[in-house]
């Protein structure tokens, strides 16, 4: 073999060796990335689920307000429908027996009539609160509640819920709250309650 041929063979061999080393690296770079982890499925509210959990979630969300030694709270505002389809499922009413003895359910129309009458009397008589007037119909009344039904969410840690509610005692007298709960081992736990508005 002449020197020229040896040089050509050497170049070919080096090229093949380089290709053998580089090609696997290129394949690794251009490999299809692994698929993303499974997406968390969207939570779909069902009538069965709500009937099983709503009462407990509302009771835990209200905390000590459910078991006051004295005093009465009235829940009379009808929750509004939302994107979770409660109206279609017929789930806008507070549960019948939800284990919250300090909070009494009242028909929104009759309660609103009493509130309107007492607010008019309060303004006429120069009082600061309609509660003394309302206590004629509701002995022991301390305030009334606007209470939203729970919102449920499925996330990477499991199932959670939020409940928005407001405590009202007259014009420019009240505050709003949001309770956050988490389902752990089949039991709802209160994670925290934060203020959302004040009047």
Protein backbone atom coordinates (compact mmCIF):
# COMPACT_ATOMS: atom_id res chain seq x y z
CA UNK A 1 0.00 0.00 0.00
CA UNK A 2 1.26 3.40 -0.90
CA UNK A 3 1.46 6.22 1.60
CA UNK A 4 -1.39 8.00 -0.14
CA UNK A 5 -3.73 5.02 0.23
CA UNK A 6 -2.78 4.55 3.87
CA UNK A 7 -3.60 8.18 4.56
CA UNK A 8 -7.01 7.84 2.87
CA UNK A 9 -7.80 4.69 4.87
CA UNK A 10 -6.73 6.41 8.07
CA UNK A 11 -9.04 9.35 7.28
CA UNK A 12 -11.93 6.99 6.55
CA UNK A 13 -11.36 5.09 9.78
CA UNK A 14 -11.22 8.30 11.81
CA UNK A 15 -14.44 9.49 10.15
CA UNK A 16 -16.22 6.21 10.94
CA UNK A 17 -14.99 6.32 14.56
CA UNK A 18 -16.10 9.93 14.97
CA UNK A 19 -19.51 9.15 13.48
CA UNK A 20 -19.87 6.16 15.80
CA UNK A 21 -19.23 8.43 18.78
CA UNK A 22 -21.30 11.45 17.68
CA UNK A 23 -24.42 9.72 16.29
CA UNK A 24 -25.60 8.31 19.67
CA UNK A 25 -25.21 11.78 21.21
CA UNK A 26 -27.27 13.34 18.42
CA UNK A 27 -29.94 10.67 18.86
CA UNK A 28 -30.11 11.40 22.59
CA UNK A 29 -30.57 15.12 21.92
CA UNK A 30 -33.24 14.68 19.32
CA UNK A 31 -35.09 12.02 21.29
CA UNK A 32 -38.77 12.77 21.96
CA UNK A 33 -39.14 14.22 25.45
CA UNK A 34 -41.00 12.06 27.95
CA UNK A 35 -44.72 12.73 28.19
CA UNK A 36 -45.81 15.15 30.94
CA UNK A 37 -47.18 13.62 34.13
CA UNK A 38 -50.87 12.78 34.04
CA UNK A 39 -53.00 15.89 34.33
CA UNK A 40 -55.19 16.19 37.41
CA UNK A 41 -58.74 15.45 36.31
CA UNK A 42 -61.27 18.27 36.61
CA UNK A 43 -63.60 17.80 39.58
CA UNK A 44 -67.21 17.26 38.52
CA UNK A 45 -69.80 17.90 41.23
CA UNK A 46 -72.50 15.25 41.49
CA UNK A 47 -75.69 15.28 43.53
CA UNK A 48 -74.53 12.23 45.52
CA UNK A 49 -71.20 13.84 46.40
CA UNK A 50 -72.81 17.11 47.51
CA UNK A 51 -75.42 15.36 49.64
CA UNK A 52 -72.65 13.38 51.31
CA UNK A 53 -70.24 16.27 51.98
CA UNK A 54 -72.00 19.69 51.92
CA UNK A 55 -73.37 19.60 55.48
CA UNK A 56 -70.03 18.61 57.02
CA UNK A 57 -68.06 21.15 54.98
CA UNK A 58 -70.43 24.00 55.94
CA UNK A 59 -70.35 23.02 59.61
CA UNK A 60 -66.53 22.81 59.71
CA UNK A 61 -66.21 26.07 57.73
CA UNK A 62 -68.35 28.02 60.23
CA UNK A 63 -66.42 26.58 63.18
CA UNK A 64 -67.41 27.97 66.60
CA UNK A 65 -70.30 29.91 65.07
CA UNK A 66 -72.16 26.60 64.84
CA UNK A 67 -72.03 25.98 68.59
CA UNK A 68 -72.39 29.33 70.36
CA UNK A 69 -73.50 29.07 73.99
CA UNK A 70 -75.93 31.94 73.55
CA UNK A 71 -77.18 33.90 70.62
CA UNK A 72 -78.64 33.00 67.28
CA UNK A 73 -77.54 33.50 63.70
CA UNK A 74 -79.99 33.43 60.80
CA UNK A 75 -79.01 32.03 57.41
CA UNK A 76 -81.54 33.34 54.93
CA UNK A 77 -79.81 34.31 51.70
CA UNK A 78 -80.33 31.86 48.87
CA UNK A 79 -76.95 30.84 47.40
CA UNK A 80 -76.52 31.78 43.76
CA UNK A 81 -75.79 29.32 40.97
CA UNK A 82 -72.21 29.04 39.79
CA UNK A 83 -70.17 27.28 37.14
CA UNK A 84 -70.30 24.02 39.13
CA UNK A 85 -73.96 23.60 38.13
CA UNK A 86 -75.61 23.46 41.54
CA UNK A 87 -78.85 24.94 40.23
CA UNK A 88 -79.17 22.24 37.60
CA UNK A 89 -78.53 19.60 40.29
CA UNK A 90 -81.06 21.22 42.65
CA UNK A 91 -78.39 21.88 45.31
CA UNK A 92 -78.79 25.56 46.22
CA UNK A 93 -80.60 25.04 49.55
CA UNK A 94 -78.78 24.67 52.84
CA UNK A 95 -78.89 21.08 54.11
CA UNK A 96 -81.88 20.25 56.30
CA UNK A 97 -79.94 18.79 59.21
CA UNK A 98 -76.36 20.02 59.14
CA UNK A 99 -75.47 19.87 62.83
CA UNK A 100 -75.16 23.63 63.31
CA UNK A 101 -77.52 24.45 66.23
CA UNK A 102 -76.61 28.16 66.50
CA UNK A 103 -77.56 28.88 62.90
CA UNK A 104 -81.24 28.78 62.02
CA UNK A 105 -82.45 28.50 58.45
CA UNK A 106 -85.11 30.99 57.47
CA UNK A 107 -87.05 31.62 54.27
CA UNK A 108 -85.26 34.49 52.48
CA UNK A 109 -88.47 36.34 51.56
CA UNK A 110 -89.94 36.57 55.06
CA UNK A 111 -86.59 37.37 56.66
CA UNK A 112 -85.92 40.10 54.09
CA UNK A 113 -89.32 41.66 54.83
CA UNK A 114 -88.49 41.78 58.55
CA UNK A 115 -85.04 43.24 57.88
CA UNK A 116 -86.49 45.95 55.60
CA UNK A 117 -89.11 46.89 58.21
CA UNK A 118 -86.51 47.09 60.94
CA UNK A 119 -84.06 49.08 58.84
CA UNK A 120 -86.81 51.63 58.10
CA UNK A 121 -87.65 51.87 61.81
CA UNK A 122 -83.95 52.16 62.67
CA UNK A 123 -83.52 55.11 60.29
CA UNK A 124 -86.71 56.77 61.51
CA UNK A 125 -85.82 56.44 65.21
CA UNK A 126 -82.13 57.27 64.76
CA UNK A 127 -80.92 53.90 66.04
CA UNK A 128 -77.60 52.32 65.06
CA UNK A 129 -78.70 48.72 64.55
CA UNK A 130 -81.88 46.89 63.47
CA UNK A 131 -81.18 43.99 65.86
CA UNK A 132 -83.51 45.04 68.75
CA UNK A 133 -86.35 45.25 66.25
CA UNK A 134 -85.47 41.91 64.63
CA UNK A 135 -85.27 40.20 68.01
CA UNK A 136 -89.05 40.59 68.33
CA UNK A 137 -89.35 37.93 65.60
CA UNK A 138 -86.10 36.13 66.35
CA UNK A 139 -85.34 36.12 70.09
CA UNK A 140 -81.62 35.93 70.76
CA UNK A 141 -80.64 37.02 67.25
CA UNK A 142 -77.09 38.38 67.13
CA UNK A 143 -76.50 38.62 63.39
CA UNK A 144 -77.47 37.05 60.11
CA UNK A 145 -75.33 35.15 57.66
CA UNK A 146 -75.01 35.17 53.91
CA UNK A 147 -73.64 31.72 53.19
CA UNK A 148 -72.42 30.27 49.91
CA UNK A 149 -72.49 26.56 49.28
CA UNK A 150 -69.05 24.88 49.14
CA UNK A 151 -66.82 25.00 46.08
CA UNK A 152 -64.78 21.83 45.58
CA UNK A 153 -61.41 21.55 43.86
CA UNK A 154 -59.21 18.60 43.01
CA UNK A 155 -55.48 19.42 43.02
CA UNK A 156 -52.15 17.65 43.40
CA UNK A 157 -52.73 17.25 47.15
CA UNK A 158 -56.24 15.84 46.81
CA UNK A 159 -59.66 17.33 47.42
CA UNK A 160 -60.18 20.79 48.93
CA UNK A 161 -63.16 23.07 49.49
CA UNK A 162 -63.82 26.75 50.11
CA UNK A 163 -66.87 28.35 51.74
CA UNK A 164 -67.58 32.09 51.54
CA UNK A 165 -69.84 33.66 54.15
CA UNK A 166 -70.67 37.05 55.58
CA UNK A 167 -71.84 38.08 59.05
CA UNK A 168 -74.27 41.04 58.99
CA UNK A 169 -75.64 43.09 61.87
CA UNK A 170 -76.99 46.13 60.06
CA UNK A 171 -75.96 48.81 57.56
CA UNK A 172 -72.20 49.32 57.58
CA UNK A 173 -71.95 46.54 60.16
CA UNK A 174 -70.53 43.22 59.05
CA UNK A 175 -67.62 41.28 57.63
CA UNK A 176 -66.94 38.58 55.08
CA UNK A 177 -64.88 35.43 55.43
CA UNK A 178 -63.54 32.55 53.36
CA UNK A 179 -62.84 29.20 54.99
CA UNK A 180 -60.50 26.71 53.31
CA UNK A 181 -60.77 23.01 54.02
CA UNK A 182 -58.87 19.89 53.00
CA UNK A 183 -60.09 16.28 52.92
CA UNK A 184 -57.60 13.98 54.63
CA UNK A 185 -58.24 10.29 55.24
CA UNK A 186 -61.95 10.81 54.67
CA UNK A 187 -62.24 13.69 57.21
CA UNK A 188 -62.66 17.41 56.40
CA UNK A 189 -60.18 19.65 58.23
CA UNK A 190 -60.22 23.45 58.44
CA UNK A 191 -56.97 24.76 56.95
CA UNK A 192 -57.71 28.42 57.66
CA UNK A 193 -60.22 31.27 57.55
CA UNK A 194 -59.38 34.66 56.09
CA UNK A 195 -61.24 37.97 55.99
CA UNK A 196 -62.51 38.99 52.54
CA UNK A 197 -64.37 42.25 53.31
CA UNK A 198 -65.43 44.50 56.19
CA UNK A 199 -68.16 47.13 56.46
